């Protein structure tokens, strides 16, 4: 009898995990700390005179959306996007960037309300910048990341996420050689750059669907 009780308790814990927030058939949504919206004006005050120096607008949107194809494993798409404008009386600039691609996350185990996981993603995208009346500068991006983290479900289907990982970014763009402003296949050079480093993100995760 003493041996049966621990076995029954273990089976109960496994059943609770299987039927918890991360079982097959649920949907998965997440957003990370880069998500922000910023709009405003820069002003300068000299004595009683107030001058408006510039106007700016900034927007970041970095969601993940997926589906639990098996217990503990959502698969889906991520989007990292950024848009910024800056304008003064004599100058204006615009920047935009997006990276999109698939991700997969696997929840390793459950400890009370804490769900540790591993996550990987790979994507492609584009960066654009324009200064004043100059031509638009375009760079092509590729990105890959692998990390470990944990979701703490403080409510039944709502969790706080923490993720620590390693990322690899590579981007390229074509530049003209010589002058004259005429671009041709013979006069252009493809420039390639690589950026590797660690990343840390904090966000919110929602799971929903069948009960």
Protein backbone atom coordinates (compact mmCIF):
# COMPACT_ATOMS: atom_id res chain seq x y z
CA UNK A 1 0.00 0.00 0.00
CA UNK A 2 2.88 2.37 0.83
CA UNK A 3 4.33 1.79 -2.64
CA UNK A 4 1.00 2.35 -4.40
CA UNK A 5 0.40 5.82 -2.91
CA UNK A 6 3.57 7.45 -4.38
CA UNK A 7 2.80 5.88 -7.77
CA UNK A 8 -0.76 7.25 -7.70
CA UNK A 9 0.55 10.69 -6.70
CA UNK A 10 3.04 10.64 -9.58
CA UNK A 11 0.33 9.67 -12.06
CA UNK A 12 -1.88 12.46 -10.73
CA UNK A 13 0.89 15.05 -11.21
CA UNK A 14 1.52 13.79 -14.75
CA UNK A 15 -2.19 13.99 -15.51
CA UNK A 16 -2.40 17.53 -14.16
CA UNK A 17 0.56 18.52 -16.34
CA UNK A 18 -0.95 16.96 -19.44
CA UNK A 19 -4.27 18.69 -18.84
CA UNK A 20 -2.74 22.02 -17.80
CA UNK A 21 -2.11 25.12 -19.84
CA UNK A 22 0.20 23.51 -22.41
CA UNK A 23 -1.64 20.51 -23.80
CA UNK A 24 -2.16 19.62 -27.45
CA UNK A 25 -4.86 21.59 -29.25
CA UNK A 26 -4.42 24.92 -27.46
CA UNK A 27 -3.40 28.19 -29.11
CA UNK A 28 -0.38 30.19 -28.02
CA UNK A 29 0.22 33.95 -28.07
CA UNK A 30 3.20 35.85 -26.66
CA UNK A 31 4.60 39.37 -26.70
CA UNK A 32 7.99 40.53 -25.47
CA UNK A 33 9.44 43.58 -23.75
CA UNK A 34 10.37 45.31 -27.01
CA UNK A 35 6.69 46.04 -27.55
CA UNK A 36 6.24 49.79 -27.16
CA UNK A 37 4.57 52.81 -28.69
CA UNK A 38 6.16 56.25 -28.47
CA UNK A 39 5.05 59.56 -29.93
CA UNK A 40 5.90 63.08 -28.89
CA UNK A 41 7.75 66.36 -29.41
CA UNK A 42 11.14 67.69 -28.33
CA UNK A 43 11.06 71.28 -27.07
CA UNK A 44 13.62 73.82 -25.89
CA UNK A 45 12.93 76.65 -23.46
CA UNK A 46 15.13 79.76 -23.33
CA UNK A 47 13.78 82.38 -20.93
CA UNK A 48 10.12 82.79 -21.86
CA UNK A 49 10.59 81.43 -25.39
CA UNK A 50 9.69 77.80 -26.11
CA UNK A 51 10.90 76.29 -29.39
CA UNK A 52 9.69 73.02 -30.87
CA UNK A 53 12.77 71.19 -32.08
CA UNK A 54 11.42 67.95 -33.48
CA UNK A 55 8.59 65.44 -33.69
CA UNK A 56 9.10 61.73 -33.39
CA UNK A 57 7.10 58.53 -33.65
CA UNK A 58 8.31 55.07 -32.66
CA UNK A 59 6.52 51.73 -32.73
CA UNK A 60 7.69 48.19 -31.89
CA UNK A 61 5.58 45.06 -32.25
CA UNK A 62 7.12 41.65 -31.47
CA UNK A 63 4.50 38.89 -31.12
CA UNK A 64 4.59 35.11 -31.41
CA UNK A 65 1.55 33.08 -32.42
CA UNK A 66 1.38 29.31 -32.50
CA UNK A 67 -0.47 26.08 -31.86
CA UNK A 68 0.33 23.14 -29.56
CA UNK A 69 0.89 20.35 -32.08
CA UNK A 70 1.63 17.95 -29.22
CA UNK A 71 1.56 18.33 -25.44
CA UNK A 72 4.06 20.98 -24.27
CA UNK A 73 5.18 22.04 -27.78
CA UNK A 74 3.75 25.09 -29.60
CA UNK A 75 4.88 25.72 -33.18
CA UNK A 76 4.16 28.92 -35.10
CA UNK A 77 5.42 32.23 -36.43
CA UNK A 78 7.20 35.18 -34.83
CA UNK A 79 7.43 38.79 -35.99
CA UNK A 80 9.99 41.36 -34.85
CA UNK A 81 9.13 44.78 -36.28
CA UNK A 82 10.24 48.36 -35.72
CA UNK A 83 9.19 51.70 -37.20
CA UNK A 84 10.57 55.16 -36.39
CA UNK A 85 10.23 58.67 -37.83
CA UNK A 86 12.05 61.84 -36.77
CA UNK A 87 11.23 65.27 -38.16
CA UNK A 88 12.47 68.83 -37.67
CA UNK A 89 11.95 72.00 -39.71
CA UNK A 90 15.03 71.22 -41.81
CA UNK A 91 15.40 67.47 -41.62
CA UNK A 92 13.43 64.24 -41.52
CA UNK A 93 14.28 60.55 -41.39
CA UNK A 94 12.43 57.24 -41.48
CA UNK A 95 13.48 53.78 -40.33
CA UNK A 96 11.66 50.47 -40.52
CA UNK A 97 12.62 46.87 -39.93
CA UNK A 98 10.92 43.50 -39.80
CA UNK A 99 12.00 39.90 -39.33
CA UNK A 100 9.51 37.04 -39.69
CA UNK A 101 9.84 33.28 -39.51
CA UNK A 102 8.96 30.04 -37.70
CA UNK A 103 9.60 29.23 -34.05
CA UNK A 104 9.25 26.14 -31.88
CA UNK A 105 9.08 25.98 -28.09
CA UNK A 106 9.13 22.92 -25.85
CA UNK A 107 8.14 23.00 -22.18
CA UNK A 108 10.53 20.62 -20.47
CA UNK A 109 8.66 20.09 -17.20
CA UNK A 110 6.41 21.71 -14.62
CA UNK A 111 7.35 22.83 -11.13
CA UNK A 112 4.21 24.15 -9.45
CA UNK A 113 3.26 27.13 -11.68
CA UNK A 114 6.69 27.36 -13.32
CA UNK A 115 7.17 25.83 -16.78
CA UNK A 116 10.83 25.82 -17.99
CA UNK A 117 11.26 25.63 -21.77
CA UNK A 118 13.70 25.70 -24.68
CA UNK A 119 12.96 27.75 -27.79
CA UNK A 120 14.42 28.15 -31.27
CA UNK A 121 13.59 30.46 -34.15
CA UNK A 122 14.85 31.41 -37.59
CA UNK A 123 13.69 34.26 -39.83
CA UNK A 124 14.34 36.63 -42.70
CA UNK A 125 13.49 40.28 -43.11
CA UNK A 126 14.40 43.74 -44.31
CA UNK A 127 15.66 47.06 -42.94
CA UNK A 128 14.90 50.40 -44.64
CA UNK A 129 16.20 53.87 -43.89
CA UNK A 130 15.76 57.23 -45.57
CA UNK A 131 17.33 60.56 -44.64
CA UNK A 132 15.73 63.68 -46.06
CA UNK A 133 15.47 63.53 -49.86
CA UNK A 134 18.11 60.82 -50.24
CA UNK A 135 17.38 57.43 -51.78
CA UNK A 136 15.98 54.70 -49.56
CA UNK A 137 18.69 52.43 -48.16
CA UNK A 138 17.65 48.75 -47.98
CA UNK A 139 19.35 45.88 -46.17
CA UNK A 140 18.32 42.22 -46.18
CA UNK A 141 18.33 40.39 -42.84
CA UNK A 142 18.50 36.81 -41.67
CA UNK A 143 18.25 35.83 -38.03
CA UNK A 144 18.48 32.72 -35.86
CA UNK A 145 18.20 32.35 -32.09
CA UNK A 146 18.22 29.57 -29.50
CA UNK A 147 17.41 30.05 -25.83
CA UNK A 148 16.13 28.69 -22.55
CA UNK A 149 13.54 30.25 -20.31
CA UNK A 150 10.50 29.74 -18.13
CA UNK A 151 6.83 30.68 -18.05
CA UNK A 152 5.21 31.41 -14.70
CA UNK A 153 1.43 30.94 -14.91
CA UNK A 154 0.09 33.34 -12.30
CA UNK A 155 -3.39 32.77 -13.80
CA UNK A 156 -4.80 29.69 -15.49
CA UNK A 157 -3.95 30.78 -19.04
CA UNK A 158 -1.75 33.83 -18.43
CA UNK A 159 2.00 33.69 -17.77
CA UNK A 160 5.05 35.89 -17.44
CA UNK A 161 7.94 34.77 -19.67
CA UNK A 162 11.67 35.11 -19.21
CA UNK A 163 14.07 34.06 -21.98
CA UNK A 164 17.87 34.01 -22.14
CA UNK A 165 19.47 32.99 -25.40
CA UNK A 166 22.07 33.40 -28.11
CA UNK A 167 21.31 35.09 -31.44
CA UNK A 168 22.96 35.22 -34.85
CA UNK A 169 22.08 38.06 -37.22
CA UNK A 170 23.41 38.53 -40.74
CA UNK A 171 22.54 41.30 -43.18
CA UNK A 172 23.64 42.47 -46.60
CA UNK A 173 23.14 45.38 -48.98
CA UNK A 174 24.38 46.48 -52.39
CA UNK A 175 26.45 49.64 -52.71
CA UNK A 176 27.60 51.50 -55.80
CA UNK A 177 31.23 51.86 -56.76
CA UNK A 178 32.52 55.01 -58.30
CA UNK A 179 30.28 58.03 -58.83
CA UNK A 180 27.67 59.41 -61.15
CA UNK A 181 24.73 57.89 -59.30
CA UNK A 182 24.26 55.21 -61.98
CA UNK A 183 23.93 51.71 -60.60
CA UNK A 184 24.75 48.64 -62.64
CA UNK A 185 25.60 45.01 -62.00
CA UNK A 186 29.23 45.71 -62.87
CA UNK A 187 29.58 48.71 -60.54
CA UNK A 188 27.77 47.42 -57.42
CA UNK A 189 29.25 45.55 -54.47
CA UNK A 190 27.38 43.33 -52.03
CA UNK A 191 28.32 44.09 -48.42
CA UNK A 192 27.72 41.44 -45.77
CA UNK A 193 27.85 41.78 -41.98
CA UNK A 194 27.37 39.33 -39.10
CA UNK A 195 26.35 40.07 -35.52
CA UNK A 196 26.37 37.43 -32.75
CA UNK A 197 25.41 37.99 -29.13
CA UNK A 198 23.29 37.13 -26.13
CA UNK A 199 19.70 38.27 -25.67
CA UNK A 200 17.36 38.59 -22.71
CA UNK A 201 13.62 39.10 -23.05
CA UNK A 202 10.69 39.43 -20.67
CA UNK A 203 7.13 39.13 -21.90
CA UNK A 204 3.62 37.78 -21.44
CA UNK A 205 2.18 34.51 -22.75
CA UNK A 206 -1.46 33.53 -23.23
CA UNK A 207 -2.75 30.03 -23.98
CA UNK A 208 -6.35 29.37 -24.90
CA UNK A 209 -8.57 26.81 -26.57
CA UNK A 210 -10.19 23.56 -25.58
CA UNK A 211 -10.51 22.62 -21.92
